[in-house]
PDB file of N, CA and C in Angstrom:
ATOM      1  N   MET A   1       0.608  -1.001   0.151  1.00  0.00           N
ATOM      2  CA  MET A   1      -0.191   0.022  -0.388  1.00  0.00           C
ATOM      3  C   MET A   1       0.582   1.348   0.506  1.00  0.00           C
ATOM      4  N   GLY A   2       0.459   1.903  -1.045  1.00  0.00           N
ATOM      5  CA  GLY A   2       1.236   3.529  -0.741  1.00  0.00           C
ATOM      6  C   GLY A   2       2.747   3.792  -1.468  1.00  0.00           C
ATOM      7  N   LYS A   3       3.342   2.523  -2.306  1.00  0.00           N
ATOM      8  CA  LYS A   3       3.969   2.551  -2.696  1.00  0.00           C
ATOM      9  C   LYS A   3       3.934   3.003  -4.252  1.00  0.00           C
ATOM     10  N   ASN A   4       5.388   4.028  -4.785  1.00  0.00           N
ATOM     11  CA  ASN A   4       4.746   3.854  -6.580  1.00  0.00           C
ATOM     12  C   ASN A   4       5.281   2.180  -7.220  1.00  0.00           C
ATOM     13  N   GLY A   5       5.802   2.812  -8.876  1.00  0.00           N
ATOM     14  CA  GLY A   5       6.754   1.497  -9.295  1.00  0.00           C
ATOM     15  C   GLY A   5       7.788   1.854  -8.591  1.00  0.00           C
ATOM     16  N   SER A   6       8.366   2.495  -8.175  1.00  0.00           N
ATOM     17  CA  SER A   6      10.059   2.379  -7.768  1.00  0.00           C
ATOM     18  C   SER A   6      10.451   1.413  -6.813  1.00  0.00           C
ATOM     19  N   GLY A   7       9.140   1.295  -5.824  1.00  0.00           N
ATOM     20  CA  GLY A   7       9.638   1.065  -4.176  1.00  0.00           C
ATOM     21  C   GLY A   7       9.611   1.500  -3.547  1.00  0.00           C
ATOM     22  N   LYS A   8       9.322   3.281  -3.914  1.00  0.00           N
ATOM     23  CA  LYS A   8       8.934   4.120  -2.984  1.00  0.00           C
ATOM     24  C   LYS A   8       7.764   4.782  -2.163  1.00  0.00           C
ATOM     25  N   LEU A   9       7.744   5.259  -0.881  1.00  0.00           N
ATOM     26  CA  LEU A   9       6.438   4.996  -0.979  1.00  0.00           C
ATOM     27  C   LEU A   9       6.493   6.309  -1.316  1.00  0.00           C
ATOM     28  N   ASN A  10       4.661   6.992  -1.457  1.00  0.00           N
ATOM     29  CA  ASN A  10       3.727   7.843  -2.044  1.00  0.00           C
ATOM     30  C   ASN A  10       4.187   8.813  -1.050  1.00  0.00           C
ATOM     31  N   PRO A  11       5.149   9.809  -1.908  1.00  0.00           N
ATOM     32  CA  PRO A  11       5.275  11.379  -0.967  1.00  0.00           C
ATOM     33  C   PRO A  11       4.349  12.173  -0.132  1.00  0.00           C
ATOM     34  N   ARG A  12       3.395  11.818  -0.407  1.00  0.00           N
ATOM     35  CA  ARG A  12       2.363  12.224   0.709  1.00  0.00           C
ATOM     36  C   ARG A  12       1.623  11.021   1.337  1.00  0.00           C
ATOM     37  N   LEU A  13       2.179   9.430   1.778  1.00  0.00           N
ATOM     38  CA  LEU A  13       2.114   8.975   3.153  1.00  0.00           C
ATOM     39  C   LEU A  13       3.289   9.629   3.358  1.00  0.00           C
ATOM     40  N   GLU A  14       4.245   9.942   2.934  1.00  0.00           N
ATOM     41  CA  GLU A  14       5.662  10.064   3.906  1.00  0.00           C
ATOM     42  C   GLU A  14       5.299  11.163   4.649  1.00  0.00           C
ATOM     43  N   ALA A  15       5.127  11.853   4.036  1.00  0.00           N
ATOM     44  CA  ALA A  15       4.498  13.078   4.955  1.00  0.00           C
ATOM     45  C   ALA A  15       3.735  12.762   6.370  1.00  0.00           C
ATOM     46  N   ILE A  16       3.081  11.692   6.463  1.00  0.00           N
ATOM     47  CA  ILE A  16       2.355  11.437   7.309  1.00  0.00           C
ATOM     48  C   ILE A  16       2.541  11.486   8.639  1.00  0.00           C
ATOM     49  N   THR A  17       2.683  12.171  10.275  1.00  0.00           N
ATOM     50  CA  THR A  17       3.122  12.573  11.236  1.00  0.00           C
ATOM     51  C   THR A  17       2.635  11.760  12.373  1.00  0.00           C
ATOM     52  N   LEU A  18       3.972  11.308  12.883  1.00  0.00           N
ATOM     53  CA  LEU A  18       2.892  10.703  14.504  1.00  0.00           C
ATOM     54  C   LEU A  18       2.320  11.764  14.966  1.00  0.00           C
ATOM     55  N   ARG A  19       2.326  12.914  15.403  1.00  0.00           N
ATOM     56  CA  ARG A  19       0.707  13.441  15.514  1.00  0.00           C
ATOM     57  C   ARG A  19      -0.715  12.986  15.347  1.00  0.00           C
ATOM     58  N   GLN A  20       0.217  12.791  13.716  1.00  0.00           N
ATOM     59  CA  GLN A  20      -1.496  12.896  12.702  1.00  0.00           C
ATOM     60  C   GLN A  20      -2.357  11.678  13.246  1.00  0.00           C
ATOM     61  N   LEU A  21      -1.496  10.084  13.408  1.00  0.00           N
ATOM     62  CA  LEU A  21      -1.382   8.896  13.282  1.00  0.00           C
ATOM     63  C   LEU A  21      -2.074   9.063  15.110  1.00  0.00           C
ATOM     64  N   ARG A  22      -1.629  10.006  16.260  1.00  0.00           N
ATOM     65  CA  ARG A  22      -1.903   9.534  17.379  1.00  0.00           C
ATOM     66  C   ARG A  22      -3.399  10.217  17.035  1.00  0.00           C
ATOM     67  N   ALA A  23      -3.892  11.555  17.064  1.00  0.00           N
ATOM     68  CA  ALA A  23      -4.753  11.996  16.860  1.00  0.00           C
ATOM     69  C   ALA A  23      -6.077  11.142  16.242  1.00  0.00           C
ATOM     70  N   LEU A  24      -5.967  10.248  15.101  1.00  0.00           N
ATOM     71  CA  LEU A  24      -6.677   9.255  14.834  1.00  0.00           C
ATOM     72  C   LEU A  24      -6.901   7.945  16.042  1.00  0.00           C
ATOM     73  N   ASP A  25      -6.171   8.005  16.034  1.00  0.00           N
ATOM     74  CA  ASP A  25      -5.666   6.697  17.507  1.00  0.00           C
ATOM     75  C   ASP A  25      -6.700   7.652  18.440  1.00  0.00           C
ATOM     76  N   ALA A  26      -6.815   8.372  18.976  1.00  0.00           N
ATOM     77  CA  ALA A  26      -7.936   9.098  19.875  1.00  0.00           C
ATOM     78  C   ALA A  26      -8.689   9.104  19.913  1.00  0.00           C
ATOM     79  N   VAL A  27      -9.123   9.931  18.619  1.00  0.00           N
ATOM     80  CA  VAL A  27     -10.614   9.743  18.165  1.00  0.00           C
ATOM     81  C   VAL A  27     -11.373   8.652  18.288  1.00  0.00           C
ATOM     82  N   ALA A  28     -10.267   7.228  17.845  1.00  0.00           N
ATOM     83  CA  ALA A  28     -10.626   6.022  17.295  1.00  0.00           C
ATOM     84  C   ALA A  28     -11.421   5.331  19.285  1.00  0.00           C
ATOM     85  N   GLN A  29     -10.331   5.522  20.283  1.00  0.00           N
ATOM     86  CA  GLN A  29     -10.686   5.129  21.552  1.00  0.00           C
ATOM     87  C   GLN A  29     -11.755   6.462  22.185  1.00  0.00           C
ATOM     88  N   ALA A  30     -11.674   7.492  21.924  1.00  0.00           N
ATOM     89  CA  ALA A  30     -12.677   8.237  22.914  1.00  0.00           C
ATOM     90  C   ALA A  30     -14.097   8.403  21.884  1.00  0.00           C
ATOM     91  N   ARG A  31     -14.223   8.169  21.068  1.00  0.00           N
ATOM     92  CA  ARG A  31     -14.766   7.973  20.064  1.00  0.00           C
ATOM     93  C   ARG A  31     -15.392   9.353  19.798  1.00  0.00           C
ATOM     94  N   SER A  32     -15.054  10.492  20.209  1.00  0.00           N
ATOM     95  CA  SER A  32     -15.726  12.092  20.197  1.00  0.00           C
ATOM     96  C   SER A  32     -13.841  12.278  19.467  1.00  0.00           C
ATOM     97  N   ILE A  33     -14.512  13.839  18.494  1.00  0.00           N
ATOM     98  CA  ILE A  33     -13.316  14.717  18.486  1.00  0.00           C
ATOM     99  C   ILE A  33     -12.483  15.200  20.029  1.00  0.00           C
ATOM    100  N   THR A  34     -13.850  15.835  20.564  1.00  0.00           N
ATOM    101  CA  THR A  34     -13.186  16.603  21.771  1.00  0.00           C
ATOM    102  C   THR A  34     -13.081  15.813  23.475  1.00  0.00           C
ATOM    103  N   GLY A  35     -13.144  14.421  23.198  1.00  0.00           N
ATOM    104  CA  GLY A  35     -12.369  13.333  23.974  1.00  0.00           C
ATOM    105  C   GLY A  35     -11.488  12.775  23.782  1.00  0.00           C
ATOM    106  N   ALA A  36     -11.002  12.716  21.882  1.00  0.00           N
ATOM    107  CA  ALA A  36      -9.103  12.747  21.902  1.00  0.00           C
ATOM    108  C   ALA A  36      -8.504  14.076  22.217  1.00  0.00           C
ATOM    109  N   ALA A  37      -9.660  15.502  22.107  1.00  0.00           N
ATOM    110  CA  ALA A  37      -8.963  16.590  21.995  1.00  0.00           C
ATOM    111  C   ALA A  37      -8.196  16.583  23.482  1.00  0.00           C
ATOM    112  N   GLN A  38      -8.956  16.054  24.095  1.00  0.00           N
ATOM    113  CA  GLN A  38      -8.560  16.551  25.995  1.00  0.00           C
ATOM    114  C   GLN A  38      -7.626  15.068  26.327  1.00  0.00           C
ATOM    115  N   ALA A  39      -7.644  13.928  25.799  1.00  0.00           N
ATOM    116  CA  ALA A  39      -6.620  12.829  26.040  1.00  0.00           C
ATOM    117  C   ALA A  39      -5.442  14.041  25.568  1.00  0.00           C
ATOM    118  N   LEU A  40      -5.356  14.176  24.206  1.00  0.00           N
ATOM    119  CA  LEU A  40      -3.966  14.922  23.840  1.00  0.00           C
ATOM    120  C   LEU A  40      -3.923  16.543  24.298  1.00  0.00           C
ATOM    121  N   GLY A  41      -4.742  16.945  24.625  1.00  0.00           N
ATOM    122  CA  GLY A  41      -3.934  18.139  25.389  1.00  0.00           C
ATOM    123  C   GLY A  41      -4.278  19.120  24.120  1.00  0.00           C
ATOM    124  N   LEU A  42      -4.794  19.093  22.995  1.00  0.00           N
ATOM    125  CA  LEU A  42      -5.500  19.305  22.460  1.00  0.00           C
ATOM    126  C   LEU A  42      -6.748  20.169  22.486  1.00  0.00           C
ATOM    127  N   THR A  43      -7.063  21.352  21.261  1.00  0.00           N
ATOM    128  CA  THR A  43      -8.558  21.248  20.645  1.00  0.00           C
ATOM    129  C   THR A  43      -8.721  20.768  19.710  1.00  0.00           C
ATOM    130  N   ALA A  44     -10.694  20.605  19.847  1.00  0.00           N
ATOM    131  CA  ALA A  44     -11.283  20.043  19.417  1.00  0.00           C
ATOM    132  C   ALA A  44     -10.473  20.546  17.819  1.00  0.00           C
ATOM    133  N   PRO A  45     -10.823  21.925  17.437  1.00  0.00           N
ATOM    134  CA  PRO A  45     -10.014  21.690  15.822  1.00  0.00           C
ATOM    135  C   PRO A  45      -9.061  21.421  15.317  1.00  0.00           C
ATOM    136  N   ALA A  46      -8.393  21.154  16.706  1.00  0.00           N
ATOM    137  CA  ALA A  46      -6.556  21.109  16.107  1.00  0.00           C
ATOM    138  C   ALA A  46      -6.572  19.634  15.690  1.00  0.00           C
ATOM    139  N   VAL A  47      -7.647  18.236  16.265  1.00  0.00           N
ATOM    140  CA  VAL A  47      -7.818  17.418  16.186  1.00  0.00           C
ATOM    141  C   VAL A  47      -8.403  16.762  14.624  1.00  0.00           C
ATOM    142  N   HIS A  48      -9.286  17.990  14.380  1.00  0.00           N
ATOM    143  CA  HIS A  48     -10.217  17.967  13.710  1.00  0.00           C
ATOM    144  C   HIS A  48      -9.153  17.833  12.117  1.00  0.00           C
ATOM    145  N   SER A  49      -8.019  19.374  11.996  1.00  0.00           N
ATOM    146  CA  SER A  49      -6.904  19.244  11.133  1.00  0.00           C
ATOM    147  C   SER A  49      -6.250  18.119  10.610  1.00  0.00           C
ATOM    148  N   GLN A  50      -5.971  17.943  11.806  1.00  0.00           N
ATOM    149  CA  GLN A  50      -4.748  16.496  12.036  1.00  0.00           C
ATOM    150  C   GLN A  50      -5.407  15.416  11.248  1.00  0.00           C
ATOM    151  N   LEU A  51      -6.983  14.699  11.776  1.00  0.00           N
ATOM    152  CA  LEU A  51      -7.643  14.266  10.779  1.00  0.00           C
ATOM    153  C   LEU A  51      -7.378  14.335   9.531  1.00  0.00           C
ATOM    154  N   ARG A  52      -7.826  15.734   8.812  1.00  0.00           N
ATOM    155  CA  ARG A  52      -8.151  15.955   7.672  1.00  0.00           C
ATOM    156  C   ARG A  52      -6.742  15.640   7.007  1.00  0.00           C
ATOM    157  N   VAL A  53      -5.261  16.074   7.429  1.00  0.00           N
ATOM    158  CA  VAL A  53      -4.651  16.384   6.543  1.00  0.00           C
ATOM    159  C   VAL A  53      -4.548  14.408   6.431  1.00  0.00           C
ATOM    160  N   LEU A  54      -4.265  13.901   7.531  1.00  0.00           N
ATOM    161  CA  LEU A  54      -3.929  11.921   7.547  1.00  0.00           C
ATOM    162  C   LEU A  54      -5.117  11.591   6.845  1.00  0.00           C
ATOM    163  N   GLU A  55      -6.778  12.243   6.038  1.00  0.00           N
ATOM    164  CA  GLU A  55      -7.071  11.621   5.192  1.00  0.00           C
ATOM    165  C   GLU A  55      -6.524  12.499   3.942  1.00  0.00           C
ATOM    166  N   ASP A  56      -5.841  13.687   3.232  1.00  0.00           N
ATOM    167  CA  ASP A  56      -5.744  13.447   2.494  1.00  0.00           C
ATOM    168  C   ASP A  56      -4.582  13.203   2.239  1.00  0.00           C
ATOM    169  N   ALA A  57      -3.577  12.567   2.927  1.00  0.00           N
ATOM    170  CA  ALA A  57      -2.789  11.762   2.444  1.00  0.00           C
ATOM    171  C   ALA A  57      -2.937  10.660   2.126  1.00  0.00           C
ATOM    172  N   VAL A  58      -3.830   9.885   2.855  1.00  0.00           N
ATOM    173  CA  VAL A  58      -4.326   8.643   2.811  1.00  0.00           C
ATOM    174  C   VAL A  58      -4.995   8.696   1.035  1.00  0.00           C
ATOM    175  N   GLY A  59      -5.559   9.934   0.943  1.00  0.00           N
ATOM    176  CA  GLY A  59      -6.778   9.701  -0.127  1.00  0.00           C
ATOM    177  C   GLY A  59      -7.327   8.842   0.923  1.00  0.00           C
ATOM    178  N   ALA A  60      -8.018   8.934   1.638  1.00  0.00           N
ATOM    179  CA  ALA A  60      -9.459   8.049   1.943  1.00  0.00           C
ATOM    180  C   ALA A  60      -9.904   8.592   3.304  1.00  0.00           C
ATOM    181  N   ALA A  61     -11.268   8.329   4.164  1.00  0.00           N
ATOM    182  CA  ALA A  61     -11.765   8.430   4.486  1.00  0.00           C
ATOM    183  C   ALA A  61     -11.944   7.495   5.707  1.00  0.00           C
ATOM    184  N   LEU A  62     -10.660   8.240   7.283  1.00  0.00           N
ATOM    185  CA  LEU A  62     -10.349   7.457   8.151  1.00  0.00           C
ATOM    186  C   LEU A  62     -11.832   6.981   9.422  1.00  0.00           C
ATOM    187  N   VAL A  63     -12.601   9.132   9.306  1.00  0.00           N
ATOM    188  CA  VAL A  63     -13.651   7.563  11.035  1.00  0.00           C
ATOM    189  C   VAL A  63     -15.108   8.217  10.180  1.00  0.00           C
ATOM    190  N   PHE A  64     -15.929   7.584  10.772  1.00  0.00           N
ATOM    191  CA  PHE A  64     -17.333   8.195   9.962  1.00  0.00           C
ATOM    192  C   PHE A  64     -17.928   8.124  11.558  1.00  0.00           C
ATOM    193  N   ARG A  65     -19.069   8.547  11.683  1.00  0.00           N
ATOM    194  CA  ARG A  65     -20.366   9.575  12.277  1.00  0.00           C
ATOM    195  C   ARG A  65     -21.429   8.196  13.068  1.00  0.00           C
ATOM    196  N   ASP A  66     -21.031   7.653  14.047  1.00  0.00           N
ATOM    197  CA  ASP A  66     -21.921   6.205  14.044  1.00  0.00           C
ATOM    198  C   ASP A  66     -22.994   7.053  14.936  1.00  0.00           C
ATOM    199  N   GLY A  67     -24.262   7.590  14.499  1.00  0.00           N
ATOM    200  CA  GLY A  67     -24.756   8.220  15.762  1.00  0.00           C
ATOM    201  C   GLY A  67     -25.054   9.555  15.819  1.00  0.00           C
ATOM    202  N   ALA A  68     -25.077  10.302  16.644  1.00  0.00           N
ATOM    203  CA  ALA A  68     -25.038  11.872  16.532  1.00  0.00           C
ATOM    204  C   ALA A  68     -23.460  12.785  17.293  1.00  0.00           C
ATOM    205  N   HIS A  69     -22.613  11.764  17.993  1.00  0.00           N
ATOM    206  CA  HIS A  69     -21.618  12.588  18.203  1.00  0.00           C
ATOM    207  C   HIS A  69     -20.280  11.358  18.276  1.00  0.00           C
ATOM    208  N   ALA A  70     -20.361   9.969  17.977  1.00  0.00           N
ATOM    209  CA  ALA A  70     -19.857   9.314  18.505  1.00  0.00           C
ATOM    210  C   ALA A  70     -19.357   8.894  16.552  1.00  0.00           C
ATOM    211  N   PHE A  71     -17.717   8.432  17.071  1.00  0.00           N
ATOM    212  CA  PHE A  71     -17.189   8.022  16.149  1.00  0.00           C
ATOM    213  C   PHE A  71     -16.497   7.132  15.327  1.00  0.00           C
ATOM    214  N   GLN A  72     -16.347   5.983  14.530  1.00  0.00           N
ATOM    215  CA  GLN A  72     -15.603   5.172  14.812  1.00  0.00           C
ATOM    216  C   GLN A  72     -14.832   4.966  12.856  1.00  0.00           C
ATOM    217  N   PRO A  73     -14.312   4.501  13.167  1.00  0.00           N
ATOM    218  CA  PRO A  73     -12.716   4.256  12.298  1.00  0.00           C
ATOM    219  C   PRO A  73     -13.391   3.675  10.683  1.00  0.00           C
ATOM    220  N   THR A  74     -13.424   4.094   9.582  1.00  0.00           N
ATOM    221  CA  THR A  74     -13.850   3.427   8.393  1.00  0.00           C
ATOM    222  C   THR A  74     -12.819   1.742   8.401  1.00  0.00           C
ATOM    223  N   PRO A  75     -13.170   1.014   7.185  1.00  0.00           N
ATOM    224  CA  PRO A  75     -11.724   0.059   7.363  1.00  0.00           C
ATOM    225  C   PRO A  75     -10.546   0.400   6.915  1.00  0.00           C
ATOM    226  N   ALA A  76     -11.006   1.994   5.912  1.00  0.00           N
ATOM    227  CA  ALA A  76      -9.151   2.318   6.456  1.00  0.00           C
ATOM    228  C   ALA A  76      -8.559   2.581   7.284  1.00  0.00           C
ATOM    229  N   GLY A  77      -9.373   3.636   7.883  1.00  0.00           N
ATOM    230  CA  GLY A  77      -8.729   3.881   9.329  1.00  0.00           C
ATOM    231  C   GLY A  77      -8.844   2.955  10.030  1.00  0.00           C
ATOM    232  N   ALA A  78      -8.749   1.942  10.454  1.00  0.00           N
ATOM    233  CA  ALA A  78      -8.673   0.588  11.594  1.00  0.00           C
ATOM    234  C   ALA A  78      -7.897  -0.165  10.199  1.00  0.00           C
ATOM    235  N   ALA A  79      -8.009  -0.244   9.262  1.00  0.00           N
ATOM    236  CA  ALA A  79      -6.346  -0.819   8.995  1.00  0.00           C
ATOM    237  C   ALA A  79      -4.523   0.128   9.242  1.00  0.00           C
ATOM    238  N   LEU A  80      -5.143   1.973   9.083  1.00  0.00           N
ATOM    239  CA  LEU A  80      -3.809   1.940   9.654  1.00  0.00           C
ATOM    240  C   LEU A  80      -3.925   2.213  10.990  1.00  0.00           C
ATOM    241  N   LEU A  81      -4.457   2.014  11.704  1.00  0.00           N
ATOM    242  CA  LEU A  81      -4.312   2.352  13.569  1.00  0.00           C
ATOM    243  C   LEU A  81      -2.966   1.227  13.561  1.00  0.00           C
ATOM    244  N   LEU A  82      -3.921  -0.034  12.710  1.00  0.00           N
ATOM    245  CA  LEU A  82      -3.055  -1.543  12.761  1.00  0.00           C
ATOM    246  C   LEU A  82      -2.107  -1.126  12.163  1.00  0.00           C
ATOM    247  N   GLY A  83      -1.190  -1.263  11.786  1.00  0.00           N
ATOM    248  CA  GLY A  83       0.090  -0.725  10.336  1.00  0.00           C
ATOM    249  C   GLY A  83       0.477  -0.165  11.233  1.00  0.00           C
ATOM    250  N   ALA A  84      -0.213   0.829  11.937  1.00  0.00           N
ATOM    251  CA  ALA A  84       0.626   1.803  13.219  1.00  0.00           C
ATOM    252  C   ALA A  84       0.875   1.508  14.077  1.00  0.00           C
ATOM    253  N   ARG A  85       0.157   0.768  14.970  1.00  0.00           N
ATOM    254  CA  ARG A  85       0.235   0.321  16.329  1.00  0.00           C
ATOM    255  C   ARG A  85       1.791  -1.404  16.797  1.00  0.00           C
ATOM    256  N   ARG A  86       1.672  -1.118  14.351  1.00  0.00           N
ATOM    257  CA  ARG A  86       2.889  -2.529  14.940  1.00  0.00           C
ATOM    258  C   ARG A  86       4.255  -2.357  14.817  1.00  0.00           C
TER     259      ARG A  86
END
């Protein structure tokens, strides 16, 4: 996933930061942007921004709303988290 014909990572994927992955993980665990922000010591807009940049880099939605305020990882989000935790 994410490699081009030369075997190198897509430059957009190389730009993924640990902060972005932590934001995704925190949202998945807290099931909310606000809860993730509190856990990370950030503002909710900062967490939301990290998710947007990460989704742009990956080229896929990574979380979805499950009800009024609960967030769940998409299959792409779950796969990214699994890989990041390794």
